[in-house]
C-alpha atoms as a PDB file:
ATOM      1  CA  MET A   1      49.653 -13.506-159.923  1.00  0.00           C
ATOM      2  CA  GLU A   2      52.982 -13.203-161.821  1.00  0.00           C
ATOM      3  CA  GLN A   3      51.861 -15.268-164.429  1.00  0.00           C
ATOM      4  CA  GLN A   4      48.757 -13.554-165.161  1.00  0.00           C
ATOM      5  CA  SER A   5      48.884 -10.922-168.205  1.00  0.00           C
ATOM      6  CA  ILE A   6      47.254  -7.707-168.505  1.00  0.00           C
ATOM      7  CA  LEU A   7      44.728  -8.863-171.560  1.00  0.00           C
ATOM      8  CA  ALA A   8      42.972 -10.638-168.463  1.00  0.00           C
ATOM      9  CA  LEU A   9      43.002  -8.227-165.630  1.00  0.00           C
ATOM     10  CA  HIS A  10      42.101  -5.383-168.251  1.00  0.00           C
ATOM     11  CA  PRO A  11      41.163  -5.965-172.141  1.00  0.00           C
ATOM     12  CA  GLY A  12      40.198  -3.065-172.459  1.00  0.00           C
ATOM     13  CA  LEU A  13      43.867  -2.149-172.706  1.00  0.00           C
ATOM     14  CA  VAL A  14      44.150  -3.938-176.305  1.00  0.00           C
ATOM     15  CA  TRP A  15      41.841  -1.642-177.247  1.00  0.00           C
ATOM     16  CA  GLY A  16      43.320   1.384-175.867  1.00  0.00           C
ATOM     17  CA  PHE A  17      46.572   0.592-177.682  1.00  0.00           C
ATOM     18  CA  GLY A  18      45.430  -0.379-180.650  1.00  0.00           C
ATOM     19  CA  ILE A  19      43.225   2.724-181.176  1.00  0.00           C
ATOM     20  CA  THR A  20      45.806   5.369-180.179  1.00  0.00           C
ATOM     21  CA  VAL A  21      48.600   3.355-182.269  1.00  0.00           C
ATOM     22  CA  VAL A  22      45.874   3.497-185.602  1.00  0.00           C
ATOM     23  CA  ILE A  23      44.913   7.176-184.049  1.00  0.00           C
ATOM     24  CA  MET A  24      48.216   8.773-183.970  1.00  0.00           C
ATOM     25  CA  LEU A  25      49.506   7.146-187.554  1.00  0.00           C
ATOM     26  CA  LEU A  26      46.310   8.299-189.660  1.00  0.00           C
ATOM     27  CA  LEU A  27      46.948  11.655-188.233  1.00  0.00           C
ATOM     28  CA  ASP A  28      51.072  11.671-188.861  1.00  0.00           C
ATOM     29  CA  LEU A  29      50.293  10.280-192.685  1.00  0.00           C
ATOM     30  CA  GLY A  30      47.304  11.404-193.442  1.00  0.00           C
ATOM     31  CA  VAL A  31      46.674  15.150-191.904  1.00  0.00           C
ATOM     32  CA  PHE A  32      50.595  16.235-190.697  1.00  0.00           C
ATOM     33  CA  ASN A  33      52.466  14.828-193.464  1.00  0.00           C
ATOM     34  CA  LYS A  34      50.190  14.347-196.214  1.00  0.00           C
ATOM     35  CA  LYS A  35      52.637  15.788-199.038  1.00  0.00           C
ATOM     36  CA  SER A  36      55.923  14.338-199.133  1.00  0.00           C
ATOM     37  CA  HIS A  37      58.099  17.307-197.262  1.00  0.00           C
ATOM     38  CA  VAL A  38      61.620  17.598-195.711  1.00  0.00           C
ATOM     39  CA  VAL A  39      61.256  16.807-191.682  1.00  0.00           C
ATOM     40  CA  SER A  40      62.794  19.696-189.504  1.00  0.00           C
ATOM     41  CA  SER A  41      64.691  19.478-186.640  1.00  0.00           C
ATOM     42  CA  LYS A  42      62.142  21.040-184.985  1.00  0.00           C
ATOM     43  CA  GLU A  43      58.854  18.838-186.326  1.00  0.00           C
ATOM     44  CA  ALA A  44      60.999  16.246-185.399  1.00  0.00           C
ATOM     45  CA  THR A  45      61.753  16.862-181.560  1.00  0.00           C
ATOM     46  CA  ILE A  46      57.776  17.105-181.133  1.00  0.00           C
ATOM     47  CA  TRP A  47      57.402  14.333-182.348  1.00  0.00           C
ATOM     48  CA  THR A  48      60.133  12.431-180.485  1.00  0.00           C
ATOM     49  CA  ILE A  49      58.277  13.732-177.302  1.00  0.00           C
ATOM     50  CA  VAL A  50      55.083  12.900-178.323  1.00  0.00           C
ATOM     51  CA  TRP A  51      56.014   9.762-178.812  1.00  0.00           C
ATOM     52  CA  ILE A  52      57.812   8.869-175.510  1.00  0.00           C
ATOM     53  CA  SER A  53      54.958  10.531-173.575  1.00  0.00           C
ATOM     54  CA  LEU A  54      53.121   8.338-175.243  1.00  0.00           C
ATOM     55  CA  ALA A  55      54.799   5.530-173.991  1.00  0.00           C
ATOM     56  CA  MET A  56      55.312   6.951-170.265  1.00  0.00           C
ATOM     57  CA  VAL A  57      51.793   7.329-170.123  1.00  0.00           C
ATOM     58  CA  PHE A  58      50.934   3.974-170.887  1.00  0.00           C
ATOM     59  CA  SER A  59      53.815   2.758-168.621  1.00  0.00           C
ATOM     60  CA  GLY A  60      51.742   4.603-166.252  1.00  0.00           C
ATOM     61  CA  VAL A  61      48.437   2.743-167.277  1.00  0.00           C
ATOM     62  CA  VAL A  62      50.236  -0.964-167.078  1.00  0.00           C
ATOM     63  CA  TYR A  63      51.408   0.703-162.582  1.00  0.00           C
ATOM     64  CA  TYR A  64      47.826   1.230-162.291  1.00  0.00           C
ATOM     65  CA  VAL A  65      46.234  -1.266-163.822  1.00  0.00           C
ATOM     66  CA  PHE A  66      48.228  -4.122-161.654  1.00  0.00           C
ATOM     67  CA  ASN A  67      48.152  -1.913-158.638  1.00  0.00           C
ATOM     68  CA  GLN A  68      44.532  -1.705-158.531  1.00  0.00           C
ATOM     69  CA  ASP A  69      43.127  -4.745-160.281  1.00  0.00           C
ATOM     70  CA  ALA A  70      45.677  -6.861-159.361  1.00  0.00           C
ATOM     71  CA  GLY A  71      46.132  -4.863-155.373  1.00  0.00           C
ATOM     72  CA  GLY A  72      49.796  -5.276-155.340  1.00  0.00           C
ATOM     73  CA  HIS A  73      52.109  -2.902-155.271  1.00  0.00           C
ATOM     74  CA  ASN A  74      54.968  -4.573-155.495  1.00  0.00           C
ATOM     75  CA  LEU A  75      53.780  -6.390-158.775  1.00  0.00           C
ATOM     76  CA  ALA A  76      52.647  -3.161-160.753  1.00  0.00           C
ATOM     77  CA  ILE A  77      56.444  -1.944-159.914  1.00  0.00           C
ATOM     78  CA  GLU A  78      57.658  -5.210-161.242  1.00  0.00           C
ATOM     79  CA  LYS A  79      55.454  -5.138-164.260  1.00  0.00           C
ATOM     80  CA  PHE A  80      55.697  -1.008-164.765  1.00  0.00           C
ATOM     81  CA  THR A  81      59.722  -1.175-165.051  1.00  0.00           C
ATOM     82  CA  GLN A  82      59.302  -4.508-166.726  1.00  0.00           C
ATOM     83  CA  PHE A  83      57.951  -2.144-169.497  1.00  0.00           C
ATOM     84  CA  GLN A  84      60.519   0.963-169.177  1.00  0.00           C
ATOM     85  CA  ALA A  85      63.284  -1.637-169.395  1.00  0.00           C
ATOM     86  CA  ALA A  86      61.626  -3.357-172.504  1.00  0.00           C
ATOM     87  CA  TYR A  87      61.036  -0.149-173.953  1.00  0.00           C
ATOM     88  CA  TRP A  88      64.145   1.621-173.461  1.00  0.00           C
ATOM     89  CA  ILE A  89      66.341  -1.521-174.678  1.00  0.00           C
ATOM     90  CA  GLU A  90      64.499  -1.484-177.804  1.00  0.00           C
ATOM     91  CA  LYS A  91      65.135   2.037-178.556  1.00  0.00           C
ATOM     92  CA  ALA A  92      68.916   1.616-177.468  1.00  0.00           C
ATOM     93  CA  LEU A  93      69.260  -0.961-179.720  1.00  0.00           C
ATOM     94  CA  SER A  94      66.975   0.561-182.504  1.00  0.00           C
ATOM     95  CA  VAL A  95      69.400   3.508-182.712  1.00  0.00           C
ATOM     96  CA  ASP A  96      71.551   1.314-184.342  1.00  0.00           C
ATOM     97  CA  ASN A  97      69.118   1.160-187.228  1.00  0.00           C
ATOM     98  CA  LEU A  98      69.496   4.846-187.613  1.00  0.00           C
ATOM     99  CA  PHE A  99      73.236   4.621-188.897  1.00  0.00           C
ATOM    100  CA  VAL A 100      72.210   1.888-191.190  1.00  0.00           C
ATOM    101  CA  PHE A 101      69.253   4.466-192.406  1.00  0.00           C
ATOM    102  CA  ILE A 102      71.641   6.566-192.890  1.00  0.00           C
ATOM    103  CA  LEU A 103      73.739   4.873-195.550  1.00  0.00           C
ATOM    104  CA  VAL A 104      70.912   2.865-196.915  1.00  0.00           C
ATOM    105  CA  PHE A 105      69.086   6.515-198.298  1.00  0.00           C
ATOM    106  CA  SER A 106      72.895   7.372-198.726  1.00  0.00           C
ATOM    107  CA  TYR A 107      73.287   4.785-201.069  1.00  0.00           C
ATOM    108  CA  PHE A 108      70.282   4.635-202.894  1.00  0.00           C
ATOM    109  CA  LYS A 109      70.191   8.594-203.041  1.00  0.00           C
ATOM    110  CA  VAL A 110      66.656   9.492-201.840  1.00  0.00           C
ATOM    111  CA  PRO A 111      65.090  12.771-202.125  1.00  0.00           C
ATOM    112  CA  ARG A 112      65.286  13.722-198.232  1.00  0.00           C
ATOM    113  CA  GLU A 113      61.640  14.639-198.715  1.00  0.00           C
ATOM    114  CA  LEU A 114      61.297  10.866-199.135  1.00  0.00           C
ATOM    115  CA  HIS A 115      62.898   9.658-196.133  1.00  0.00           C
ATOM    116  CA  HIS A 116      59.452  10.085-194.018  1.00  0.00           C
ATOM    117  CA  LYS A 117      57.435   7.791-196.456  1.00  0.00           C
ATOM    118  CA  VAL A 118      60.090   5.007-196.727  1.00  0.00           C
ATOM    119  CA  LEU A 119      60.067   5.364-192.888  1.00  0.00           C
ATOM    120  CA  PHE A 120      56.308   5.198-192.386  1.00  0.00           C
ATOM    121  CA  TRP A 121      55.816   2.616-194.453  1.00  0.00           C
ATOM    122  CA  GLY A 122      58.625   0.547-193.050  1.00  0.00           C
ATOM    123  CA  ILE A 123      57.610   1.098-189.776  1.00  0.00           C
ATOM    124  CA  ILE A 124      53.863  -0.220-190.924  1.00  0.00           C
ATOM    125  CA  GLY A 125      55.707  -3.913-191.630  1.00  0.00           C
ATOM    126  CA  ALA A 126      57.580  -3.830-188.252  1.00  0.00           C
ATOM    127  CA  LEU A 127      54.369  -3.250-186.430  1.00  0.00           C
ATOM    128  CA  VAL A 128      53.282  -7.084-187.965  1.00  0.00           C
ATOM    129  CA  PHE A 129      56.930  -9.118-187.948  1.00  0.00           C
ATOM    130  CA  ARG A 130      57.475  -8.011-183.952  1.00  0.00           C
ATOM    131  CA  ALA A 131      53.705  -9.305-183.450  1.00  0.00           C
ATOM    132  CA  ILE A 132      55.001 -12.571-185.319  1.00  0.00           C
ATOM    133  CA  PHE A 133      57.989 -12.739-183.373  1.00  0.00           C
ATOM    134  CA  ILE A 134      57.269 -11.780-179.731  1.00  0.00           C
ATOM    135  CA  PHE A 135      54.512 -13.916-179.685  1.00  0.00           C
ATOM    136  CA  ALA A 136      55.622 -16.628-181.564  1.00  0.00           C
ATOM    137  CA  GLY A 137      58.824 -16.246-178.707  1.00  0.00           C
ATOM    138  CA  VAL A 138      56.596 -16.371-175.901  1.00  0.00           C
ATOM    139  CA  GLY A 139      54.647 -18.905-177.347  1.00  0.00           C
ATOM    140  CA  ILE A 140      58.224 -21.449-178.030  1.00  0.00           C
ATOM    141  CA  ILE A 141      59.534 -20.469-174.667  1.00  0.00           C
ATOM    142  CA  ASN A 142      56.256 -21.970-172.652  1.00  0.00           C
ATOM    143  CA  VAL A 143      57.092 -25.205-173.689  1.00  0.00           C
ATOM    144  CA  THR A 144      61.229 -25.392-174.059  1.00  0.00           C
ATOM    145  CA  TYR A 145      61.224 -25.870-170.146  1.00  0.00           C
ATOM    146  CA  LEU A 146      62.945 -28.468-168.645  1.00  0.00           C
ATOM    147  CA  PRO A 147      62.106 -31.057-166.348  1.00  0.00           C
ATOM    148  CA  VAL A 148      63.052 -29.147-162.761  1.00  0.00           C
ATOM    149  CA  PHE A 149      65.856 -31.069-160.889  1.00  0.00           C
ATOM    150  CA  GLU A 150      67.635 -30.079-157.762  1.00  0.00           C
ATOM    151  CA  LEU A 151      70.502 -28.444-157.336  1.00  0.00           C
ATOM    152  CA  SER A 152      72.247 -27.893-153.959  1.00  0.00           C
ATOM    153  CA  GLY A 153      68.848 -27.713-152.489  1.00  0.00           C
ATOM    154  CA  LYS A 154      67.048 -25.669-154.340  1.00  0.00           C
ATOM    155  CA  ALA A 155      64.918 -26.183-156.977  1.00  0.00           C
ATOM    156  CA  VAL A 156      66.561 -25.356-160.448  1.00  0.00           C
ATOM    157  CA  GLU A 157      64.441 -24.605-163.678  1.00  0.00           C
ATOM    158  CA  ILE A 158      66.385 -24.412-167.350  1.00  0.00           C
ATOM    159  CA  ASN A 159      64.784 -23.000-170.155  1.00  0.00           C
ATOM    160  CA  VAL A 160      66.159 -24.207-173.661  1.00  0.00           C
ATOM    161  CA  VAL A 161      65.751 -21.478-176.184  1.00  0.00           C
ATOM    162  CA  LEU A 162      66.249 -18.982-172.953  1.00  0.00           C
ATOM    163  CA  THR A 163      69.649 -20.063-172.742  1.00  0.00           C
ATOM    164  CA  LEU A 164      69.946 -20.404-176.376  1.00  0.00           C
ATOM    165  CA  PHE A 165      68.831 -16.384-176.683  1.00  0.00           C
ATOM    166  CA  GLY A 166      71.355 -15.748-173.433  1.00  0.00           C
ATOM    167  CA  LEU A 167      74.404 -16.963-175.608  1.00  0.00           C
ATOM    168  CA  PHE A 168      73.755 -15.591-178.908  1.00  0.00           C
ATOM    169  CA  LEU A 169      73.200 -12.475-177.325  1.00  0.00           C
ATOM    170  CA  VAL A 170      76.762 -12.557-175.710  1.00  0.00           C
ATOM    171  CA  TYR A 171      78.375 -13.922-179.015  1.00  0.00           C
ATOM    172  CA  ALA A 172      76.463 -10.572-180.756  1.00  0.00           C
ATOM    173  CA  GLY A 173      77.301  -8.016-178.281  1.00  0.00           C
ATOM    174  CA  ILE A 174      81.157  -9.442-178.091  1.00  0.00           C
ATOM    175  CA  LYS A 175      81.142  -9.429-181.936  1.00  0.00           C
ATOM    176  CA  SER A 176      79.074  -5.549-182.422  1.00  0.00           C
ATOM    177  CA  TRP A 177      82.265  -4.357-180.001  1.00  0.00           C
ATOM    178  CA  GLY A 178      82.483  -1.096-181.486  1.00  0.00           C
ATOM    179  CA  GLY A 179      80.994  -2.542-184.857  1.00  0.00           C
ATOM    180  CA  GLY A 180      79.684  -0.899-187.842  1.00  0.00           C
ATOM    181  CA  ASP A 181      82.465  -0.448-189.779  1.00  0.00           C
ATOM    182  CA  ASP A 182      81.740  -2.785-192.347  1.00  0.00           C
ATOM    183  CA  ASP A 183      77.994  -1.725-193.052  1.00  0.00           C
ATOM    184  CA  GLU A 184      79.187   0.720-194.956  1.00  0.00           C
ATOM    185  CA  GLU A 185      80.911  -1.317-197.425  1.00  0.00           C
ATOM    186  CA  GLN A 186      77.925  -2.431-198.334  1.00  0.00           C
ATOM    187  CA  ASP A 187      76.169  -3.601-201.207  1.00  0.00           C
ATOM    188  CA  PHE A 188      72.450  -2.669-200.899  1.00  0.00           C
ATOM    189  CA  SER A 189      71.166  -3.185-204.436  1.00  0.00           C
ATOM    190  CA  ASN A 190      72.061  -7.121-203.478  1.00  0.00           C
ATOM    191  CA  SER A 191      70.385  -7.517-200.329  1.00  0.00           C
ATOM    192  CA  ALA A 192      67.321  -9.350-200.259  1.00  0.00           C
ATOM    193  CA  GLY A 193      64.552  -6.756-200.281  1.00  0.00           C
ATOM    194  CA  ALA A 194      65.771  -5.333-203.101  1.00  0.00           C
ATOM    195  CA  LYS A 195      66.466  -8.792-204.959  1.00  0.00           C
ATOM    196  CA  LEU A 196      62.710  -9.573-203.619  1.00  0.00           C
ATOM    197  CA  VAL A 197      61.479  -6.440-205.122  1.00  0.00           C
ATOM    198  CA  LYS A 198      63.657  -6.792-208.255  1.00  0.00           C
ATOM    199  CA  LYS A 199      62.204 -10.474-209.070  1.00  0.00           C
ATOM    200  CA  LEU A 200      59.087  -9.322-208.672  1.00  0.00           C
ATOM    201  CA  TYR A 201      59.130  -6.379-210.526  1.00  0.00           C
ATOM    202  CA  LYS A 202      61.056  -4.376-213.344  1.00  0.00           C
ATOM    203  CA  VAL A 203      62.328  -1.343-211.866  1.00  0.00           C
ATOM    204  CA  SER A 204      62.656   2.166-213.187  1.00  0.00           C
ATOM    205  CA  ASP A 205      65.736   3.717-212.855  1.00  0.00           C
ATOM    206  CA  ASN A 206      64.518   7.524-211.641  1.00  0.00           C
ATOM    207  CA  TYR A 207      62.169   8.061-209.048  1.00  0.00           C
ATOM    208  CA  ASP A 208      58.981   9.234-209.901  1.00  0.00           C
ATOM    209  CA  GLY A 209      58.123  11.820-206.656  1.00  0.00           C
ATOM    210  CA  ASP A 210      56.951   9.872-204.184  1.00  0.00           C
ATOM    211  CA  LYS A 211      55.600   7.249-205.819  1.00  0.00           C
ATOM    212  CA  PHE A 212      56.198   3.771-205.551  1.00  0.00           C
ATOM    213  CA  PHE A 213      55.177   2.105-208.961  1.00  0.00           C
ATOM    214  CA  THR A 214      55.034   4.621-212.103  1.00  0.00           C
ATOM    215  CA  MET A 215      54.445   3.677-216.079  1.00  0.00           C
ATOM    216  CA  GLN A 216      57.093   3.274-218.920  1.00  0.00           C
ATOM    217  CA  ASN A 217      56.412   2.652-222.582  1.00  0.00           C
ATOM    218  CA  GLY A 218      52.920   1.255-221.005  1.00  0.00           C
ATOM    219  CA  ILE A 219      54.351  -1.225-218.549  1.00  0.00           C
ATOM    220  CA  LYS A 220      53.777  -0.650-214.937  1.00  0.00           C
ATOM    221  CA  VAL A 221      56.799  -1.140-212.697  1.00  0.00           C
ATOM    222  CA  ALA A 222      58.389  -0.186-209.272  1.00  0.00           C
ATOM    223  CA  THR A 223      60.056   2.635-208.523  1.00  0.00           C
ATOM    224  CA  PRO A 224      63.855   3.013-206.825  1.00  0.00           C
ATOM    225  CA  LEU A 225      61.339   3.943-203.783  1.00  0.00           C
ATOM    226  CA  MET A 226      60.201   0.462-203.332  1.00  0.00           C
ATOM    227  CA  VAL A 227      63.089  -0.774-203.379  1.00  0.00           C
ATOM    228  CA  VAL A 228      64.576   1.211-200.745  1.00  0.00           C
ATOM    229  CA  VAL A 229      61.179   0.005-198.219  1.00  0.00           C
ATOM    230  CA  ALA A 230      62.016  -3.289-198.968  1.00  0.00           C
ATOM    231  CA  VAL A 231      65.372  -3.247-198.011  1.00  0.00           C
ATOM    232  CA  ILE A 232      64.667  -1.183-194.888  1.00  0.00           C
ATOM    233  CA  GLU A 233      61.701  -4.077-193.632  1.00  0.00           C
ATOM    234  CA  PHE A 234      64.435  -6.784-194.004  1.00  0.00           C
ATOM    235  CA  THR A 235      67.051  -4.464-192.692  1.00  0.00           C
ATOM    236  CA  ASP A 236      63.918  -4.246-189.830  1.00  0.00           C
ATOM    237  CA  VAL A 237      63.807  -7.695-189.315  1.00  0.00           C
ATOM    238  CA  LEU A 238      67.641  -8.403-188.963  1.00  0.00           C
ATOM    239  CA  PHE A 239      67.986  -6.198-186.207  1.00  0.00           C
ATOM    240  CA  ALA A 240      65.000  -7.617-184.651  1.00  0.00           C
ATOM    241  CA  VAL A 241      67.309 -10.970-184.034  1.00  0.00           C
ATOM    242  CA  ASP A 242      69.194  -8.914-181.630  1.00  0.00           C
ATOM    243  CA  SER A 243      66.519  -6.732-179.689  1.00  0.00           C
ATOM    244  CA  ILE A 244      63.941  -9.247-179.524  1.00  0.00           C
ATOM    245  CA  PRO A 245      65.651 -12.017-177.746  1.00  0.00           C
ATOM    246  CA  ALA A 246      67.403  -9.405-175.854  1.00  0.00           C
ATOM    247  CA  ILE A 247      63.287  -8.374-174.047  1.00  0.00           C
ATOM    248  CA  PHE A 248      62.407 -11.808-173.227  1.00  0.00           C
ATOM    249  CA  ALA A 249      65.019 -11.677-170.696  1.00  0.00           C
ATOM    250  CA  ILE A 250      62.868  -8.693-169.401  1.00  0.00           C
ATOM    251  CA  SER A 251      59.177 -10.191-169.161  1.00  0.00           C
ATOM    252  CA  LYS A 252      57.074 -13.323-170.877  1.00  0.00           C
ATOM    253  CA  ASP A 253      54.027 -10.885-170.854  1.00  0.00           C
ATOM    254  CA  PRO A 254      53.455 -11.407-175.064  1.00  0.00           C
ATOM    255  CA  PHE A 255      50.796  -7.489-174.053  1.00  0.00           C
ATOM    256  CA  ILE A 256      54.068  -5.677-172.240  1.00  0.00           C
ATOM    257  CA  LEU A 257      56.744  -6.645-174.951  1.00  0.00           C
ATOM    258  CA  TYR A 258      54.554  -5.987-178.210  1.00  0.00           C
ATOM    259  CA  THR A 259      53.531  -2.460-176.824  1.00  0.00           C
ATOM    260  CA  SER A 260      56.940  -1.259-175.482  1.00  0.00           C
ATOM    261  CA  ASN A 261      58.233  -2.710-178.714  1.00  0.00           C
ATOM    262  CA  ILE A 262      55.781  -0.925-180.781  1.00  0.00           C
ATOM    263  CA  PHE A 263      55.893   2.399-178.900  1.00  0.00           C
ATOM    264  CA  ALA A 264      59.781   2.431-179.091  1.00  0.00           C
ATOM    265  CA  ILE A 265      59.750   1.428-182.851  1.00  0.00           C
ATOM    266  CA  LEU A 266      57.321   4.594-183.602  1.00  0.00           C
ATOM    267  CA  GLY A 267      59.353   6.587-182.287  1.00  0.00           C
ATOM    268  CA  LEU A 268      62.359   5.524-184.227  1.00  0.00           C
ATOM    269  CA  ARG A 269      61.031   7.630-186.896  1.00  0.00           C
ATOM    270  CA  SER A 270      61.395  10.773-185.303  1.00  0.00           C
ATOM    271  CA  LEU A 271      63.937   9.941-184.008  1.00  0.00           C
ATOM    272  CA  TYR A 272      65.917   9.368-186.821  1.00  0.00           C
ATOM    273  CA  PHE A 273      64.874  12.956-188.131  1.00  0.00           C
ATOM    274  CA  LEU A 274      65.995  14.683-185.158  1.00  0.00           C
ATOM    275  CA  LEU A 275      69.793  12.610-184.779  1.00  0.00           C
ATOM    276  CA  SER A 276      70.552  11.996-188.173  1.00  0.00           C
ATOM    277  CA  ASN A 277      72.699  15.309-188.784  1.00  0.00           C
ATOM    278  CA  PHE A 278      74.226  14.808-185.292  1.00  0.00           C
ATOM    279  CA  ILE A 279      74.438  10.800-184.882  1.00  0.00           C
ATOM    280  CA  HIS A 280      78.566  10.635-185.750  1.00  0.00           C
ATOM    281  CA  MET A 281      78.786  12.396-182.751  1.00  0.00           C
ATOM    282  CA  PHE A 282      77.876   9.648-180.832  1.00  0.00           C
ATOM    283  CA  SER A 283      80.964   7.526-181.433  1.00  0.00           C
ATOM    284  CA  LYS A 284      81.232   5.608-178.066  1.00  0.00           C
ATOM    285  CA  LEU A 285      77.332   4.298-179.020  1.00  0.00           C
ATOM    286  CA  PRO A 286      77.562   1.141-180.510  1.00  0.00           C
ATOM    287  CA  TYR A 287      80.151   0.325-177.634  1.00  0.00           C
ATOM    288  CA  GLY A 288      77.474   0.612-174.895  1.00  0.00           C
ATOM    289  CA  LEU A 289      74.915  -0.913-177.174  1.00  0.00           C
ATOM    290  CA  ALA A 290      77.665  -4.253-177.622  1.00  0.00           C
ATOM    291  CA  ILE A 291      77.452  -3.710-173.212  1.00  0.00           C
ATOM    292  CA  ILE A 292      73.822  -3.760-173.265  1.00  0.00           C
ATOM    293  CA  LEU A 293      73.380  -6.869-175.051  1.00  0.00           C
ATOM    294  CA  THR A 294      76.133  -9.057-173.242  1.00  0.00           C
ATOM    295  CA  PHE A 295      75.143  -8.379-170.016  1.00  0.00           C
ATOM    296  CA  ILE A 296      71.315  -9.314-171.142  1.00  0.00           C
ATOM    297  CA  GLY A 297      73.029 -12.461-172.603  1.00  0.00           C
ATOM    298  CA  VAL A 298      74.380 -13.051-169.179  1.00  0.00           C
ATOM    299  CA  LYS A 299      71.209 -12.332-167.503  1.00  0.00           C
ATOM    300  CA  MET A 300      69.461 -15.271-169.855  1.00  0.00           C
ATOM    301  CA  ILE A 301      71.962 -17.418-168.935  1.00  0.00           C
ATOM    302  CA  ILE A 302      72.371 -17.232-164.682  1.00  0.00           C
ATOM    303  CA  SER A 303      68.718 -16.384-164.555  1.00  0.00           C
ATOM    304  CA  PRO A 304      67.669 -20.333-163.051  1.00  0.00           C
ATOM    305  CA  TRP A 305      70.157 -19.846-160.536  1.00  0.00           C
ATOM    306  CA  PHE A 306      70.163 -15.846-160.255  1.00  0.00           C
ATOM    307  CA  HIS A 307      67.225 -13.183-160.965  1.00  0.00           C
ATOM    308  CA  ILE A 308      68.258  -9.916-161.973  1.00  0.00           C
ATOM    309  CA  PRO A 309      64.989  -7.961-160.732  1.00  0.00           C
ATOM    310  CA  SER A 310      63.681  -5.470-163.195  1.00  0.00           C
ATOM    311  CA  PRO A 311      64.572  -2.237-161.622  1.00  0.00           C
ATOM    312  CA  ILE A 312      68.429  -3.114-161.746  1.00  0.00           C
ATOM    313  CA  SER A 313      68.130  -4.217-165.569  1.00  0.00           C
ATOM    314  CA  LEU A 314      66.928  -0.812-166.001  1.00  0.00           C
ATOM    315  CA  GLY A 315      68.941   0.607-163.971  1.00  0.00           C
ATOM    316  CA  ILE A 316      72.142  -0.996-165.498  1.00  0.00           C
ATOM    317  CA  VAL A 317      70.586  -0.594-169.584  1.00  0.00           C
ATOM    318  CA  GLY A 318      70.301   3.065-168.492  1.00  0.00           C
ATOM    319  CA  GLY A 319      73.398   3.826-166.456  1.00  0.00           C
ATOM    320  CA  VAL A 320      75.390   2.572-169.463  1.00  0.00           C
ATOM    321  CA  LEU A 321      73.568   4.767-171.952  1.00  0.00           C
ATOM    322  CA  ILE A 322      73.577   7.930-169.952  1.00  0.00           C
ATOM    323  CA  ILE A 323      77.609   7.041-169.873  1.00  0.00           C
ATOM    324  CA  SER A 324      78.130   5.963-173.652  1.00  0.00           C
ATOM    325  CA  VAL A 325      76.873   8.723-174.723  1.00  0.00           C
ATOM    326  CA  ILE A 326      78.559  11.409-172.153  1.00  0.00           C
ATOM    327  CA  ALA A 327      81.988   9.966-173.640  1.00  0.00           C
ATOM    328  CA  SER A 328      80.974  10.232-176.944  1.00  0.00           C
ATOM    329  CA  LEU A 329      80.572  14.788-176.344  1.00  0.00           C
ATOM    330  CA  VAL A 330      83.408  14.392-173.873  1.00  0.00           C
ATOM    331  CA  PHE A 331      86.224  12.327-176.121  1.00  0.00           C
ATOM    332  CA  PRO A 332      84.827  12.315-179.517  1.00  0.00           C
ATOM    333  CA  ASP A 333      86.272  10.876-182.413  1.00  0.00           C
ATOM    334  CA  LYS A 334      89.152  12.694-183.992  1.00  0.00           C
ATOM    335  CA  GLU A 335      87.854  12.053-187.963  1.00  0.00           C
ATOM    336  CA  GLU A 336      84.563  12.552-188.140  1.00  0.00           C
ATOM    337  CA  VAL A 337      82.592  12.198-191.067  1.00  0.00           C
ATOM    338  CA  ALA A 338      79.357  14.407-191.842  1.00  0.00           C
ATOM    339  CA  LEU A 339      76.777  12.401-192.438  1.00  0.00           C
END
């Protein structure tokens, strides 16, 4: 029964998820943010609550489907906690994106009223790239198991890809311990996204409102806003290299992984506006994220011999996040740079 995915149990969830996301995105762009404007803290707070609430409601639907259709409370709890753990891991690791977003916007001197549009289209790209990474990753994992062998009378099944992911996450966690200083010196104009746009189009020197393209001397050229979107897109792809392998330690169900991932990403935009002015107050968070990456990597490596249940993983991830946030507030950096 554990191998049975939500798609097999209730295909209507696919349509329900898709329709919900499309409606919310249309409302966001076409109704509430039809005109570019500076997003207030109140507006950001409301949208943050909305996206988190939608994710929590959906996790309840996941529990209901497995409890009713599969007929098992234990399995329903397992799937529910898988969604929750994957969601909060992605949410936590995405906070790193916020630091980089702030640096990107500052580097390109993007007017504050244009931040929302850039992040919106960046997230549209994330919907596509995350689907490719997750479904391709699950497919690769399913065909890279080594033959089962016995060790001390116990059957052991090792997956090559998961083991490599685990080693990579341990390395990434150790390397990122307290990291983030290198990003401040990064030349974003030479990033892969910026180079791609400059290769395809001539780029104007100045912004033209919220337009991605403008006319100069009768020639269609890209604006710096298009360059910023490309940089944000490629930045998300780079961050996915850490976050996507991490959620494979939680579940192998692509629907649970994708929906939890997308709900976390969709809420990232409003979280940016909510925390952008206060993110320097969470100086200990990078240490917490490093611990989370290392823990997930270790979980992957030892999984053939010892399985850490999803509820325990969720508790550890949540505990580390709470402790790192409290530590940031109790022991703030002596030199805080206003963002």
